[in-house]
Amino acid sequence: MAKKLNKSRIALSRVMILMLLVVVFLTDSLIPMESGAHEVLDICGIVLISICALGRLYTTVFLGGFKNDMLVDYGPYSMVRNPLYFFSLLGFTGVALMSGHLVVMVGIPLGFIVLYNFLIRREEVFLRSHFGEPYEAYMRRVPRLFPAPNKYHVPDTVLCHPKFINKGFKDAVWWFAAFPLVELAEFVQEQGYIKPLIFLP
């Protein structure tokens, strides 16, 4: 069950990333690429992507490869039950901002919340059956997707396998790759190598 849910999550993320890239490469936006507003959106996008990448790496330290072996309720998991999804939401929102499309800026975050809400509920069914009452209590005190910083607590020491840190680092690198990809899309459009097929506000 856990592997099936993991595959669903990966597939959903890949579909959303592919959709974003198609939009960025093949459409023209309401906000001109050379405008000051577009530069501000780029900066905000980079900030959100950076928080996403570093936040996911930070979360991996606490998860440490024990995802289905023990209930992790400290560190970022003491603020929100799905910190990896929360940071991914920030990352997708960052890429959406860099696209310069108002429709994408609104649609991607909302689409993420709606689609991942279904996935999270499926995972909760598994986790409730797997961990029982401790997870039920965890659900009652910690929010599902948006963090409650005042609930943060962390033990003095945390056990973590290095291979999962390495995996988290590679994941972070891929998030940072979003910026040059968006810049590449803007460059090929400016040079006329790719003509936008449609105008998207």
N, C-alpha and C. Protein backbone atom coordinates (compact mmCIF):
# COMPACT_ATOMS: atom_id res chain seq x y z
N MET A 1 0.83 -1.21 0.00
CA MET A 1 0.00 0.00 0.00
C MET A 1 0.86 1.26 0.00
N ALA A 2 1.91 1.25 0.86
CA ALA A 2 2.79 2.42 0.96
C ALA A 2 3.50 2.69 -0.36
N LYS A 3 3.96 1.61 -1.02
CA LYS A 3 4.65 1.79 -2.31
C LYS A 3 3.70 2.32 -3.37
N LYS A 4 2.45 1.85 -3.35
CA LYS A 4 1.46 2.30 -4.31
C LYS A 4 1.17 3.79 -4.13
N LEU A 5 1.06 4.23 -2.88
CA LEU A 5 0.83 5.65 -2.60
C LEU A 5 2.01 6.49 -3.04
N ASN A 6 3.22 5.96 -2.82
CA ASN A 6 4.42 6.69 -3.22
C ASN A 6 4.47 6.87 -4.73
N LYS A 7 4.11 5.81 -5.47
CA LYS A 7 4.08 5.89 -6.93
C LYS A 7 3.04 6.91 -7.40
N SER A 8 1.89 6.95 -6.72
CA SER A 8 0.84 7.90 -7.08
C SER A 8 1.32 9.33 -6.88
N ARG A 9 2.04 9.55 -5.78
CA ARG A 9 2.55 10.89 -5.48
C ARG A 9 3.58 11.32 -6.52
N ILE A 10 4.49 10.43 -6.87
CA ILE A 10 5.52 10.74 -7.86
C ILE A 10 4.90 11.02 -9.22
N ALA A 11 3.94 10.19 -9.61
CA ALA A 11 3.27 10.37 -10.90
C ALA A 11 2.55 11.70 -10.97
N LEU A 12 1.86 12.07 -9.89
CA LEU A 12 1.12 13.32 -9.85
C LEU A 12 2.07 14.51 -9.94
N SER A 13 3.19 14.44 -9.24
CA SER A 13 4.18 15.52 -9.28
C SER A 13 4.76 15.69 -10.68
N ARG A 14 5.04 14.57 -11.33
CA ARG A 14 5.61 14.63 -12.68
C ARG A 14 4.63 15.23 -13.68
N VAL A 15 3.36 14.89 -13.54
CA VAL A 15 2.34 15.45 -14.43
C VAL A 15 2.26 16.96 -14.26
N MET A 16 2.28 17.42 -13.01
CA MET A 16 2.19 18.86 -12.75
C MET A 16 3.42 19.59 -13.28
N ILE A 17 4.60 19.00 -13.11
CA ILE A 17 5.82 19.61 -13.61
C ILE A 17 5.80 19.69 -15.13
N LEU A 18 5.35 18.61 -15.78
CA LEU A 18 5.27 18.59 -17.24
C LEU A 18 4.31 19.66 -17.75
N MET A 19 3.16 19.80 -17.09
CA MET A 19 2.19 20.82 -17.48
C MET A 19 2.79 22.21 -17.36
N LEU A 20 3.53 22.46 -16.28
CA LEU A 20 4.16 23.76 -16.09
C LEU A 20 5.16 24.06 -17.20
N LEU A 21 5.99 23.08 -17.54
CA LEU A 21 6.99 23.28 -18.58
C LEU A 21 6.35 23.55 -19.94
N VAL A 22 5.28 22.84 -20.25
CA VAL A 22 4.58 23.05 -21.52
C VAL A 22 4.03 24.47 -21.59
N VAL A 23 3.44 24.92 -20.48
CA VAL A 23 2.88 26.27 -20.43
C VAL A 23 3.98 27.32 -20.62
N VAL A 24 5.09 27.15 -19.90
CA VAL A 24 6.17 28.13 -19.96
C VAL A 24 6.79 28.21 -21.36
N PHE A 25 6.97 27.07 -22.01
CA PHE A 25 7.64 27.04 -23.31
C PHE A 25 6.74 27.44 -24.46
N LEU A 26 5.44 27.16 -24.38
CA LEU A 26 4.59 27.30 -25.55
C LEU A 26 3.53 28.39 -25.47
N THR A 27 3.55 29.21 -24.42
CA THR A 27 2.55 30.26 -24.32
C THR A 27 3.19 31.62 -24.08
N ASP A 28 2.45 32.65 -24.41
CA ASP A 28 2.87 34.03 -24.17
C ASP A 28 2.06 34.56 -23.00
N SER A 29 2.69 35.36 -22.14
CA SER A 29 2.01 35.81 -20.92
C SER A 29 1.59 37.27 -20.98
N LEU A 30 0.70 37.64 -20.08
CA LEU A 30 0.21 39.01 -19.98
C LEU A 30 1.31 39.95 -19.49
N ILE A 31 2.19 39.44 -18.63
CA ILE A 31 3.26 40.24 -18.04
C ILE A 31 4.52 40.10 -18.90
N PRO A 32 4.97 41.16 -19.56
CA PRO A 32 6.15 41.09 -20.43
C PRO A 32 7.38 40.57 -19.70
N MET A 33 8.18 39.74 -20.36
CA MET A 33 9.34 39.13 -19.73
C MET A 33 10.38 40.16 -19.30
N GLU A 34 10.44 41.30 -20.01
CA GLU A 34 11.46 42.31 -19.70
C GLU A 34 10.98 43.34 -18.68
N SER A 35 9.76 43.19 -18.18
CA SER A 35 9.19 44.19 -17.26
C SER A 35 9.70 44.01 -15.83
N GLY A 36 9.57 45.10 -15.06
CA GLY A 36 9.95 45.05 -13.65
C GLY A 36 9.09 44.10 -12.86
N ALA A 37 7.81 44.03 -13.21
CA ALA A 37 6.89 43.12 -12.52
C ALA A 37 7.33 41.67 -12.68
N HIS A 38 7.79 41.34 -13.88
CA HIS A 38 8.24 39.97 -14.14
C HIS A 38 9.49 39.66 -13.31
N GLU A 39 10.37 40.65 -13.16
CA GLU A 39 11.58 40.46 -12.36
C GLU A 39 11.22 40.21 -10.90
N VAL A 40 10.24 40.95 -10.40
CA VAL A 40 9.79 40.76 -9.01
C VAL A 40 9.22 39.36 -8.83
N LEU A 41 8.42 38.91 -9.80
CA LEU A 41 7.85 37.57 -9.73
C LEU A 41 8.95 36.51 -9.77
N ASP A 42 9.98 36.75 -10.58
CA ASP A 42 11.11 35.82 -10.63
C ASP A 42 11.79 35.70 -9.27
N ILE A 43 12.02 36.85 -8.63
CA ILE A 43 12.68 36.85 -7.32
C ILE A 43 11.83 36.12 -6.29
N CYS A 44 10.54 36.43 -6.27
CA CYS A 44 9.63 35.76 -5.33
C CYS A 44 9.60 34.25 -5.60
N GLY A 45 9.61 33.89 -6.88
CA GLY A 45 9.61 32.47 -7.24
C GLY A 45 10.86 31.77 -6.76
N ILE A 46 12.01 32.42 -6.94
CA ILE A 46 13.28 31.83 -6.50
C ILE A 46 13.29 31.64 -4.99
N VAL A 47 12.76 32.62 -4.26
CA VAL A 47 12.70 32.52 -2.80
C VAL A 47 11.85 31.33 -2.38
N LEU A 48 10.67 31.18 -2.99
CA LEU A 48 9.79 30.07 -2.64
C LEU A 48 10.40 28.72 -3.01
N ILE A 49 11.05 28.65 -4.17
CA ILE A 49 11.70 27.40 -4.58
C ILE A 49 12.83 27.06 -3.62
N SER A 50 13.58 28.06 -3.17
CA SER A 50 14.67 27.84 -2.22
C SER A 50 14.14 27.32 -0.89
N ILE A 51 13.05 27.92 -0.41
CA ILE A 51 12.44 27.46 0.84
C ILE A 51 11.95 26.02 0.67
N CYS A 52 11.37 25.73 -0.49
CA CYS A 52 10.90 24.38 -0.80
C CYS A 52 12.05 23.38 -0.74
N ALA A 53 13.11 23.65 -1.47
CA ALA A 53 14.23 22.71 -1.55
C ALA A 53 14.89 22.48 -0.19
N LEU A 54 15.16 23.58 0.52
CA LEU A 54 15.80 23.46 1.83
C LEU A 54 14.85 22.86 2.86
N GLY A 55 13.57 23.22 2.77
CA GLY A 55 12.58 22.68 3.71
C GLY A 55 12.40 21.19 3.54
N ARG A 56 12.39 20.73 2.30
CA ARG A 56 12.25 19.29 2.04
C ARG A 56 13.49 18.54 2.54
N LEU A 57 14.66 19.14 2.35
CA LEU A 57 15.89 18.52 2.86
C LEU A 57 15.87 18.47 4.38
N TYR A 58 15.45 19.56 5.01
CA TYR A 58 15.34 19.62 6.47
C TYR A 58 14.37 18.56 6.99
N THR A 59 13.25 18.40 6.30
CA THR A 59 12.25 17.41 6.70
C THR A 59 12.81 16.00 6.58
N THR A 60 13.59 15.75 5.54
CA THR A 60 14.18 14.43 5.32
C THR A 60 15.09 14.03 6.47
N VAL A 61 15.77 15.01 7.07
CA VAL A 61 16.63 14.74 8.21
C VAL A 61 15.83 14.11 9.34
N PHE A 62 14.64 14.62 9.58
CA PHE A 62 13.81 14.12 10.68
C PHE A 62 13.09 12.83 10.31
N LEU A 63 12.73 12.69 9.05
CA LEU A 63 12.05 11.46 8.63
C LEU A 63 13.03 10.29 8.65
N GLY A 64 14.24 10.54 8.17
CA GLY A 64 15.35 9.60 8.34
C GLY A 64 15.16 8.19 7.86
N GLY A 65 14.20 7.93 6.97
CA GLY A 65 13.99 6.58 6.49
C GLY A 65 13.06 5.75 7.36
N PHE A 66 12.42 6.40 8.36
CA PHE A 66 11.55 5.67 9.27
C PHE A 66 10.07 5.92 8.99
N LYS A 67 9.76 6.34 7.78
CA LYS A 67 8.41 6.79 7.44
C LYS A 67 7.33 5.80 7.83
N ASN A 68 7.52 4.53 7.54
CA ASN A 68 6.49 3.53 7.83
C ASN A 68 6.84 2.64 9.01
N ASP A 69 7.96 2.95 9.69
CA ASP A 69 8.39 2.14 10.82
C ASP A 69 8.02 2.76 12.16
N MET A 70 7.93 4.08 12.21
CA MET A 70 7.58 4.76 13.45
C MET A 70 6.84 6.06 13.14
N LEU A 71 6.08 6.52 14.10
CA LEU A 71 5.34 7.77 13.93
C LEU A 71 6.24 8.93 14.29
N VAL A 72 6.65 9.68 13.29
CA VAL A 72 7.50 10.85 13.51
C VAL A 72 6.59 12.05 13.75
N ASP A 73 6.65 12.60 14.97
CA ASP A 73 5.78 13.73 15.33
C ASP A 73 6.57 14.89 15.92
N TYR A 74 7.84 14.99 15.57
CA TYR A 74 8.69 16.08 16.06
C TYR A 74 9.33 16.79 14.86
N GLY A 75 10.06 17.87 15.17
CA GLY A 75 10.64 18.65 14.08
C GLY A 75 9.53 19.25 13.22
N PRO A 76 9.69 19.28 11.90
CA PRO A 76 8.64 19.85 11.05
C PRO A 76 7.32 19.10 11.17
N TYR A 77 7.39 17.81 11.55
CA TYR A 77 6.16 17.02 11.70
C TYR A 77 5.37 17.39 12.94
N SER A 78 5.96 18.20 13.81
CA SER A 78 5.20 18.68 14.97
C SER A 78 4.36 19.89 14.61
N MET A 79 4.66 20.53 13.47
CA MET A 79 3.91 21.71 13.02
C MET A 79 2.83 21.36 12.01
N VAL A 80 3.12 20.34 11.18
CA VAL A 80 2.20 19.98 10.10
C VAL A 80 2.41 18.49 9.79
N ARG A 81 1.31 17.79 9.48
CA ARG A 81 1.42 16.34 9.26
C ARG A 81 2.09 15.99 7.93
N ASN A 82 2.06 16.90 7.00
CA ASN A 82 2.62 16.64 5.67
C ASN A 82 3.58 17.75 5.24
N PRO A 83 4.70 17.90 5.96
CA PRO A 83 5.62 19.00 5.63
C PRO A 83 6.23 18.89 4.23
N LEU A 84 6.47 17.67 3.75
CA LEU A 84 7.02 17.53 2.40
C LEU A 84 6.05 18.09 1.36
N TYR A 85 4.76 17.84 1.55
CA TYR A 85 3.76 18.36 0.62
C TYR A 85 3.65 19.87 0.74
N PHE A 86 3.73 20.38 1.96
CA PHE A 86 3.66 21.83 2.15
C PHE A 86 4.80 22.52 1.42
N PHE A 87 6.02 21.99 1.58
CA PHE A 87 7.16 22.61 0.91
C PHE A 87 7.07 22.44 -0.60
N SER A 88 6.52 21.32 -1.06
CA SER A 88 6.31 21.14 -2.50
C SER A 88 5.31 22.17 -3.03
N LEU A 89 4.29 22.46 -2.24
CA LEU A 89 3.32 23.49 -2.62
C LEU A 89 4.02 24.83 -2.82
N LEU A 90 4.94 25.16 -1.91
CA LEU A 90 5.71 26.40 -2.07
C LEU A 90 6.55 26.36 -3.34
N GLY A 91 7.15 25.21 -3.63
CA GLY A 91 7.98 25.08 -4.82
C GLY A 91 7.18 25.24 -6.10
N PHE A 92 6.04 24.57 -6.19
CA PHE A 92 5.20 24.69 -7.38
C PHE A 92 4.67 26.12 -7.53
N THR A 93 4.35 26.75 -6.40
CA THR A 93 3.89 28.14 -6.45
C THR A 93 5.01 29.04 -6.95
N GLY A 94 6.24 28.76 -6.52
CA GLY A 94 7.38 29.54 -6.98
C GLY A 94 7.58 29.45 -8.47
N VAL A 95 7.50 28.23 -9.01
CA VAL A 95 7.64 28.05 -10.46
C VAL A 95 6.49 28.74 -11.19
N ALA A 96 5.29 28.65 -10.61
CA ALA A 96 4.12 29.30 -11.22
C ALA A 96 4.32 30.81 -11.29
N LEU A 97 4.88 31.40 -10.24
CA LEU A 97 5.15 32.84 -10.25
C LEU A 97 6.15 33.20 -11.34
N MET A 98 7.17 32.39 -11.49
CA MET A 98 8.19 32.66 -12.50
C MET A 98 7.65 32.55 -13.92
N SER A 99 6.55 31.82 -14.10
CA SER A 99 5.97 31.68 -15.44
C SER A 99 5.42 33.00 -15.96
N GLY A 100 5.01 33.88 -15.03
CA GLY A 100 4.45 35.17 -15.44
C GLY A 100 3.00 35.10 -15.87
N HIS A 101 2.37 33.95 -15.74
CA HIS A 101 0.97 33.77 -16.15
C HIS A 101 0.06 33.85 -14.93
N LEU A 102 -0.89 34.77 -14.95
CA LEU A 102 -1.81 34.91 -13.83
C LEU A 102 -2.63 33.63 -13.62
N VAL A 103 -3.06 33.03 -14.73
CA VAL A 103 -3.84 31.80 -14.65
C VAL A 103 -3.04 30.70 -13.95
N VAL A 104 -1.77 30.59 -14.29
CA VAL A 104 -0.90 29.57 -13.70
C VAL A 104 -0.63 29.88 -12.23
N MET A 105 -0.42 31.17 -11.91
CA MET A 105 -0.14 31.56 -10.53
C MET A 105 -1.27 31.19 -9.59
N VAL A 106 -2.48 31.25 -10.09
CA VAL A 106 -3.65 30.90 -9.27
C VAL A 106 -3.98 29.41 -9.41
N GLY A 107 -3.92 28.91 -10.64
CA GLY A 107 -4.36 27.55 -10.91
C GLY A 107 -3.47 26.47 -10.33
N ILE A 108 -2.15 26.66 -10.39
CA ILE A 108 -1.25 25.62 -9.90
C ILE A 108 -1.38 25.41 -8.39
N PRO A 109 -1.30 26.47 -7.55
CA PRO A 109 -1.47 26.24 -6.11
C PRO A 109 -2.83 25.63 -5.76
N LEU A 110 -3.90 26.14 -6.38
CA LEU A 110 -5.23 25.60 -6.09
C LEU A 110 -5.34 24.15 -6.56
N GLY A 111 -4.82 23.88 -7.76
CA GLY A 111 -4.84 22.52 -8.27
C GLY A 111 -4.05 21.56 -7.39
N PHE A 112 -2.91 22.03 -6.91
CA PHE A 112 -2.08 21.22 -6.02
C PHE A 112 -2.85 20.86 -4.75
N ILE A 113 -3.47 21.87 -4.14
CA ILE A 113 -4.21 21.64 -2.89
C ILE A 113 -5.35 20.65 -3.10
N VAL A 114 -6.09 20.82 -4.19
CA VAL A 114 -7.23 19.93 -4.46
C VAL A 114 -6.76 18.50 -4.73
N LEU A 115 -5.79 18.34 -5.63
CA LEU A 115 -5.34 17.01 -6.01
C LEU A 115 -4.63 16.30 -4.87
N TYR A 116 -3.76 17.01 -4.18
CA TYR A 116 -3.02 16.38 -3.10
C TYR A 116 -3.89 16.13 -1.88
N ASN A 117 -4.99 16.85 -1.76
CA ASN A 117 -5.91 16.59 -0.66
C ASN A 117 -6.46 15.17 -0.76
N PHE A 118 -6.77 14.73 -1.99
CA PHE A 118 -7.25 13.36 -2.19
C PHE A 118 -6.15 12.35 -1.84
N LEU A 119 -4.92 12.65 -2.26
CA LEU A 119 -3.81 11.75 -1.98
C LEU A 119 -3.53 11.67 -0.48
N ILE A 120 -3.57 12.82 0.19
CA ILE A 120 -3.33 12.85 1.62
C ILE A 120 -4.37 12.04 2.37
N ARG A 121 -5.63 12.15 1.97
CA ARG A 121 -6.69 11.39 2.63
C ARG A 121 -6.49 9.89 2.46
N ARG A 122 -6.02 9.47 1.30
CA ARG A 122 -5.71 8.05 1.08
C ARG A 122 -4.57 7.60 1.99
N GLU A 123 -3.56 8.45 2.13
CA GLU A 123 -2.44 8.11 3.00
C GLU A 123 -2.88 8.04 4.46
N GLU A 124 -3.79 8.92 4.83
CA GLU A 124 -4.26 8.93 6.22
C GLU A 124 -4.98 7.64 6.57
N VAL A 125 -5.72 7.09 5.62
CA VAL A 125 -6.40 5.80 5.86
C VAL A 125 -5.36 4.73 6.16
N PHE A 126 -4.29 4.70 5.37
CA PHE A 126 -3.22 3.73 5.59
C PHE A 126 -2.53 3.96 6.94
N LEU A 127 -2.20 5.20 7.25
CA LEU A 127 -1.47 5.51 8.48
C LEU A 127 -2.31 5.25 9.72
N ARG A 128 -3.60 5.49 9.64
CA ARG A 128 -4.49 5.21 10.77
C ARG A 128 -4.56 3.72 11.05
N SER A 129 -4.60 2.92 9.99
CA SER A 129 -4.64 1.47 10.18
C SER A 129 -3.28 0.94 10.62
N HIS A 130 -2.21 1.63 10.22
CA HIS A 130 -0.85 1.18 10.52
C HIS A 130 -0.41 1.54 11.94
N PHE A 131 -0.72 2.76 12.38
CA PHE A 131 -0.26 3.23 13.69
C PHE A 131 -1.35 3.27 14.75
N GLY A 132 -2.61 3.20 14.33
CA GLY A 132 -3.71 3.15 15.29
C GLY A 132 -3.96 4.45 16.04
N GLU A 133 -4.26 4.33 17.33
CA GLU A 133 -4.64 5.47 18.17
C GLU A 133 -3.58 6.57 18.24
N PRO A 134 -2.28 6.23 18.32
CA PRO A 134 -1.28 7.31 18.33
C PRO A 134 -1.40 8.25 17.13
N TYR A 135 -1.71 7.68 15.96
CA TYR A 135 -1.87 8.55 14.79
C TYR A 135 -3.17 9.33 14.86
N GLU A 136 -4.21 8.72 15.42
CA GLU A 136 -5.48 9.43 15.61
C GLU A 136 -5.26 10.67 16.48
N ALA A 137 -4.50 10.50 17.56
CA ALA A 137 -4.20 11.62 18.45
C ALA A 137 -3.35 12.67 17.74
N TYR A 138 -2.42 12.20 16.93
CA TYR A 138 -1.56 13.10 16.15
C TYR A 138 -2.40 13.93 15.19
N MET A 139 -3.39 13.31 14.56
CA MET A 139 -4.27 14.02 13.63
C MET A 139 -5.07 15.11 14.35
N ARG A 140 -5.43 14.84 15.59
CA ARG A 140 -6.25 15.81 16.33
C ARG A 140 -5.45 17.05 16.74
N ARG A 141 -4.16 16.90 16.95
CA ARG A 141 -3.39 18.03 17.48
C ARG A 141 -2.54 18.77 16.44
N VAL A 142 -2.33 18.16 15.26
CA VAL A 142 -1.45 18.77 14.26
C VAL A 142 -2.21 18.95 12.94
N PRO A 143 -2.15 20.16 12.34
CA PRO A 143 -2.88 20.41 11.08
C PRO A 143 -2.35 19.57 9.92
N ARG A 144 -3.19 19.40 8.92
CA ARG A 144 -2.90 18.51 7.79
C ARG A 144 -1.85 19.08 6.83
N LEU A 145 -2.02 20.31 6.36
CA LEU A 145 -1.16 20.82 5.29
C LEU A 145 -0.48 22.15 5.59
N PHE A 146 -1.13 23.01 6.34
CA PHE A 146 -0.54 24.33 6.62
C PHE A 146 -0.01 24.37 8.05
N PRO A 147 1.28 24.68 8.22
CA PRO A 147 1.95 24.57 9.52
C PRO A 147 1.40 25.49 10.61
N ALA A 148 1.54 25.01 11.84
CA ALA A 148 1.26 25.80 13.04
C ALA A 148 2.59 25.93 13.78
N PRO A 149 3.38 26.98 13.51
CA PRO A 149 4.73 27.11 14.07
C PRO A 149 4.79 27.04 15.59
N ASN A 150 3.72 27.46 16.27
CA ASN A 150 3.72 27.45 17.73
C ASN A 150 3.75 26.03 18.30
N LYS A 151 3.49 25.02 17.48
CA LYS A 151 3.49 23.64 17.95
C LYS A 151 4.86 22.97 17.79
N TYR A 152 5.81 23.70 17.26
CA TYR A 152 7.12 23.10 16.95
C TYR A 152 7.84 22.62 18.21
N HIS A 153 8.34 21.41 18.14
CA HIS A 153 9.23 20.89 19.18
C HIS A 153 10.16 19.86 18.54
N VAL A 154 11.31 19.67 19.16
CA VAL A 154 12.31 18.79 18.58
C VAL A 154 13.11 18.12 19.70
N PRO A 155 13.46 16.84 19.56
CA PRO A 155 14.27 16.16 20.58
C PRO A 155 15.72 16.63 20.51
N ASP A 156 16.51 16.24 21.51
CA ASP A 156 17.92 16.63 21.54
C ASP A 156 18.72 15.95 20.44
N THR A 157 18.36 14.72 20.12
CA THR A 157 19.05 13.99 19.07
C THR A 157 18.04 13.34 18.12
N VAL A 158 18.46 13.19 16.87
CA VAL A 158 17.61 12.57 15.85
C VAL A 158 18.44 11.54 15.09
N LEU A 159 17.92 10.33 14.95
CA LEU A 159 18.60 9.28 14.20
C LEU A 159 18.21 9.37 12.73
N CYS A 160 19.22 9.34 11.87
CA CYS A 160 18.95 9.47 10.44
C CYS A 160 19.98 8.69 9.64
N HIS A 161 19.53 8.04 8.57
CA HIS A 161 20.45 7.30 7.70
C HIS A 161 21.02 8.25 6.64
N PRO A 162 22.34 8.28 6.47
CA PRO A 162 22.96 9.19 5.50
C PRO A 162 22.41 9.06 4.09
N LYS A 163 22.03 7.84 3.67
CA LYS A 163 21.56 7.68 2.29
C LYS A 163 20.29 8.48 2.02
N PHE A 164 19.50 8.71 3.07
CA PHE A 164 18.28 9.50 2.88
C PHE A 164 18.60 10.99 2.82
N ILE A 165 19.68 11.39 3.49
CA ILE A 165 20.14 12.78 3.36
C ILE A 165 20.63 13.01 1.94
N ASN A 166 21.36 12.05 1.40
CA ASN A 166 21.84 12.15 0.02
C ASN A 166 20.67 12.24 -0.95
N LYS A 167 19.65 11.42 -0.70
CA LYS A 167 18.46 11.44 -1.55
C LYS A 167 17.76 12.79 -1.47
N GLY A 168 17.68 13.34 -0.25
CA GLY A 168 17.05 14.65 -0.06
C GLY A 168 17.83 15.75 -0.74
N PHE A 169 19.16 15.63 -0.73
CA PHE A 169 19.99 16.63 -1.40
C PHE A 169 19.76 16.61 -2.91
N LYS A 170 19.68 15.41 -3.49
CA LYS A 170 19.41 15.29 -4.93
C LYS A 170 18.05 15.88 -5.27
N ASP A 171 17.08 15.64 -4.40
CA ASP A 171 15.74 16.20 -4.60
C ASP A 171 15.80 17.73 -4.62
N ALA A 172 16.60 18.29 -3.69
CA ALA A 172 16.73 19.75 -3.62
C ALA A 172 17.35 20.32 -4.88
N VAL A 173 18.35 19.62 -5.43
CA VAL A 173 19.01 20.08 -6.65
C VAL A 173 18.01 20.16 -7.80
N TRP A 174 17.12 19.17 -7.91
CA TRP A 174 16.13 19.19 -8.98
C TRP A 174 15.19 20.38 -8.86
N TRP A 175 14.85 20.76 -7.65
CA TRP A 175 13.98 21.93 -7.48
C TRP A 175 14.69 23.19 -7.97
N PHE A 176 15.98 23.31 -7.65
CA PHE A 176 16.73 24.49 -8.10
C PHE A 176 16.89 24.52 -9.62
N ALA A 177 16.72 23.38 -10.27
CA ALA A 177 16.83 23.32 -11.73
C ALA A 177 15.67 24.04 -12.41
N ALA A 178 14.60 24.32 -11.65
CA ALA A 178 13.43 24.99 -12.24
C ALA A 178 13.80 26.38 -12.77
N PHE A 179 14.66 27.09 -12.06
CA PHE A 179 15.00 28.46 -12.47
C PHE A 179 15.68 28.50 -13.84
N PRO A 180 16.76 27.75 -14.08
CA PRO A 180 17.37 27.80 -15.43
C PRO A 180 16.43 27.30 -16.52
N LEU A 181 15.53 26.37 -16.21
CA LEU A 181 14.58 25.89 -17.22
C LEU A 181 13.62 27.00 -17.65
N VAL A 182 13.13 27.76 -16.66
CA VAL A 182 12.23 28.87 -16.99
C VAL A 182 12.99 29.94 -17.76
N GLU A 183 14.22 30.21 -17.35
CA GLU A 183 15.04 31.20 -18.06
C GLU A 183 15.31 30.74 -19.50
N LEU A 184 15.53 29.44 -19.68
CA LEU A 184 15.75 28.90 -21.02
C LEU A 184 14.51 29.10 -21.89
N ALA A 185 13.34 28.88 -21.30
CA ALA A 185 12.09 29.07 -22.05
C ALA A 185 11.96 30.52 -22.50
N GLU A 186 12.29 31.45 -21.61
CA GLU A 186 12.20 32.86 -21.96
C GLU A 186 13.22 33.22 -23.05
N PHE A 187 14.41 32.64 -22.96
CA PHE A 187 15.46 32.93 -23.94
C PHE A 187 15.06 32.45 -25.34
N VAL A 188 14.58 31.20 -25.45
CA VAL A 188 14.25 30.66 -26.78
C VAL A 188 13.06 31.40 -27.39
N GLN A 189 12.18 31.93 -26.53
CA GLN A 189 11.06 32.73 -27.06
C GLN A 189 11.56 34.09 -27.54
N GLU A 190 12.44 34.72 -26.76
CA GLU A 190 12.98 36.02 -27.14
C GLU A 190 13.79 35.93 -28.44
N GLN A 191 14.51 34.83 -28.63
CA GLN A 191 15.34 34.65 -29.82
C GLN A 191 14.55 34.15 -31.03
N GLY A 192 13.28 33.81 -30.80
CA GLY A 192 12.44 33.36 -31.89
C GLY A 192 12.59 31.90 -32.26
N TYR A 193 13.31 31.12 -31.41
CA TYR A 193 13.47 29.70 -31.70
C TYR A 193 12.15 28.94 -31.52
N ILE A 194 11.34 29.42 -30.57
CA ILE A 194 10.02 28.83 -30.34
C ILE A 194 9.00 29.96 -30.35
N LYS A 195 7.98 29.83 -31.17
CA LYS A 195 6.92 30.81 -31.21
C LYS A 195 5.79 30.38 -30.27
N PRO A 196 5.36 31.26 -29.36
CA PRO A 196 4.24 30.92 -28.48
C PRO A 196 3.01 30.54 -29.29
N LEU A 197 2.38 29.45 -28.93
CA LEU A 197 1.21 28.98 -29.67
C LEU A 197 -0.05 29.74 -29.29
N ILE A 198 -0.16 30.10 -28.02
CA ILE A 198 -1.36 30.81 -27.54
C ILE A 198 -0.95 31.88 -26.54
N PHE A 199 -1.86 32.83 -26.34
CA PHE A 199 -1.68 33.85 -25.30
C PHE A 199 -2.44 33.39 -24.07
N LEU A 200 -1.75 33.36 -22.94
CA LEU A 200 -2.38 32.93 -21.69
C LEU A 200 -2.19 34.02 -20.65
N PRO A 201 -3.28 34.61 -20.14
CA PRO A 201 -3.17 35.70 -19.17
C PRO A 201 -2.34 35.30 -17.95
